[in-house]
Amino acid sequence: MSKSEIRQLRRRLQGASALGVEEFDRAAVLLRRVFPKMPEPAPGRGDLIGQLLHAVDLCLPGWSIQLTGKATEPDGHWRCSLRETRGSDEIEGIGLGTGRVVELALLEALLDVAEQRALV
């Protein structure tokens, strides 16, 4: 798994106004290399937010998801943080993402964790 491939995809996603099918499929392939439990994208790619929440649940079980933002179309400002906690307040891992839509922020945060865990 190449950190540079993940970085490249994250750069492509920055500033995007929506998450396209091609980018989602590419992300699923890259994420599966780091997280073998990453599910295949659903046919038709209907509910991307639901699919991404399911992916976080399978890839990072027990992690917390925090989403904040302004729901203004077509240019929202969303932030997502994924946090692994151990004990009361001890944070083990964190993934951060931003995007104009929720699904971009979620995907970017998951890709951030994958980049941290990738071997090369």
Protein backbone atom coordinates (compact mmCIF):
# COMPACT_ATOMS: atom_id res chain seq x y z
CA MET A 1 0.00 0.00 0.00
CA SER A 2 1.44 3.31 -1.03
CA LYS A 3 1.02 6.41 1.08
CA SER A 4 1.62 8.43 -2.08
CA GLU A 5 -1.44 6.86 -3.77
CA ILE A 6 -3.60 7.85 -0.82
CA ARG A 7 -2.13 11.38 -0.75
CA GLN A 8 -2.76 11.71 -4.48
CA LEU A 9 -6.44 10.76 -4.08
CA ARG A 10 -6.84 13.10 -1.11
CA ARG A 11 -5.44 15.97 -3.19
CA ARG A 12 -7.93 15.15 -5.97
CA LEU A 13 -10.80 15.23 -3.48
CA GLN A 14 -9.83 18.60 -1.97
CA GLY A 15 -12.13 21.31 -3.21
CA ALA A 16 -14.47 18.87 -4.93
CA SER A 17 -18.14 19.76 -4.71
CA ALA A 18 -19.31 16.13 -4.62
CA LEU A 19 -17.96 12.61 -4.29
CA GLY A 20 -18.01 10.94 -7.69
CA VAL A 21 -18.43 7.22 -8.33
CA GLU A 22 -14.91 6.92 -9.78
CA GLU A 23 -13.29 8.52 -6.72
CA PHE A 24 -15.39 6.42 -4.34
CA ASP A 25 -14.45 3.20 -6.15
CA ARG A 26 -10.76 4.19 -6.18
CA ALA A 27 -10.88 5.01 -2.48
CA ALA A 28 -12.48 1.62 -1.71
CA VAL A 29 -9.62 -0.16 -3.50
CA LEU A 30 -6.96 1.83 -1.62
CA LEU A 31 -8.72 1.46 1.73
CA ARG A 32 -9.10 -2.30 1.28
CA ARG A 33 -5.31 -2.60 1.05
CA VAL A 34 -5.01 -1.15 4.55
CA PHE A 35 -8.32 -2.33 5.99
CA PRO A 36 -9.20 -5.81 4.66
CA LYS A 37 -12.73 -5.46 6.07
CA MET A 38 -13.50 -2.46 3.84
CA PRO A 39 -16.77 -3.38 2.11
CA GLU A 40 -17.28 -3.32 -1.65
CA PRO A 41 -19.21 -0.24 -2.83
CA ALA A 42 -22.94 -0.97 -3.11
CA PRO A 43 -24.42 -1.31 -6.57
CA GLY A 44 -25.67 2.03 -7.83
CA ARG A 45 -23.68 3.80 -5.08
CA GLY A 46 -26.96 5.22 -3.68
CA ASP A 47 -26.35 6.24 -0.08
CA LEU A 48 -22.68 7.20 0.08
CA ILE A 49 -22.95 8.60 3.60
CA GLY A 50 -24.46 5.34 4.84
CA GLN A 51 -21.80 3.31 3.04
CA LEU A 52 -19.01 5.42 4.51
CA LEU A 53 -20.43 5.16 8.05
CA HIS A 54 -20.63 1.39 7.58
CA ALA A 55 -17.01 1.38 6.33
CA VAL A 56 -15.81 3.30 9.40
CA ASP A 57 -17.70 0.83 11.60
CA LEU A 58 -16.02 -2.16 9.92
CA CYS A 59 -12.54 -0.66 9.42
CA LEU A 60 -12.27 1.19 12.73
CA PRO A 61 -14.59 -0.59 15.19
CA GLY A 62 -15.27 1.37 18.34
CA TRP A 63 -13.94 4.66 16.97
CA SER A 64 -15.90 7.87 17.48
CA ILE A 65 -17.11 9.97 14.55
CA GLN A 66 -17.55 13.70 15.00
CA LEU A 67 -19.09 15.75 12.18
CA THR A 68 -19.45 19.51 12.30
CA GLY A 69 -20.36 21.91 9.58
CA LYS A 70 -22.71 24.21 7.79
CA ALA A 71 -25.29 22.62 5.57
CA THR A 72 -25.29 25.21 2.82
CA GLU A 73 -25.63 23.97 -0.71
CA PRO A 74 -23.75 23.87 -2.97
CA ASP A 75 -20.83 24.96 -0.80
CA GLY A 76 -21.04 23.47 2.68
CA HIS A 77 -18.12 23.45 5.08
CA TRP A 78 -17.89 20.08 6.82
CA ARG A 79 -15.24 18.73 9.18
CA CYS A 80 -14.95 15.14 10.30
CA SER A 81 -12.75 13.64 12.98
CA LEU A 82 -12.37 9.95 13.64
CA ARG A 83 -10.98 9.12 17.07
CA GLU A 84 -9.88 5.94 18.75
CA THR A 85 -10.14 6.30 22.51
CA ARG A 86 -8.70 4.09 25.18
CA GLY A 87 -9.63 4.63 28.78
CA SER A 88 -11.26 7.84 29.90
CA ASP A 89 -9.72 10.54 27.72
CA GLU A 90 -6.69 8.89 26.17
CA ILE A 91 -6.71 9.29 22.37
CA GLU A 92 -4.79 6.63 20.46
CA GLY A 93 -5.51 7.57 16.86
CA ILE A 94 -7.13 10.35 14.91
CA GLY A 95 -8.19 10.96 11.33
CA LEU A 96 -9.22 14.38 10.03
CA GLY A 97 -11.14 15.37 6.93
CA THR A 98 -12.91 18.35 5.41
CA GLY A 99 -15.25 18.75 2.49
CA ARG A 100 -18.10 20.65 0.90
CA VAL A 101 -20.39 17.68 1.54
CA VAL A 102 -20.51 15.22 4.44
CA GLU A 103 -19.37 12.23 2.37
CA LEU A 104 -16.16 14.01 1.30
CA ALA A 105 -15.31 14.91 4.91
CA LEU A 106 -15.96 11.32 6.07
CA LEU A 107 -13.93 9.79 3.25
CA GLU A 108 -11.03 12.17 3.74
CA ALA A 109 -10.88 11.35 7.47
CA LEU A 110 -10.89 7.62 6.72
CA LEU A 111 -8.18 8.10 4.10
CA ASP A 112 -6.16 10.09 6.65
CA VAL A 113 -6.16 7.11 9.03
CA ALA A 114 -5.31 4.77 6.15
CA GLU A 115 -2.36 6.95 5.14
CA GLN A 116 -1.05 6.87 8.71
CA ARG A 117 -1.31 3.08 8.78
CA ALA A 118 0.01 2.38 5.28
CA LEU A 119 3.42 0.76 5.24
CA VAL A 120 5.17 2.64 2.46
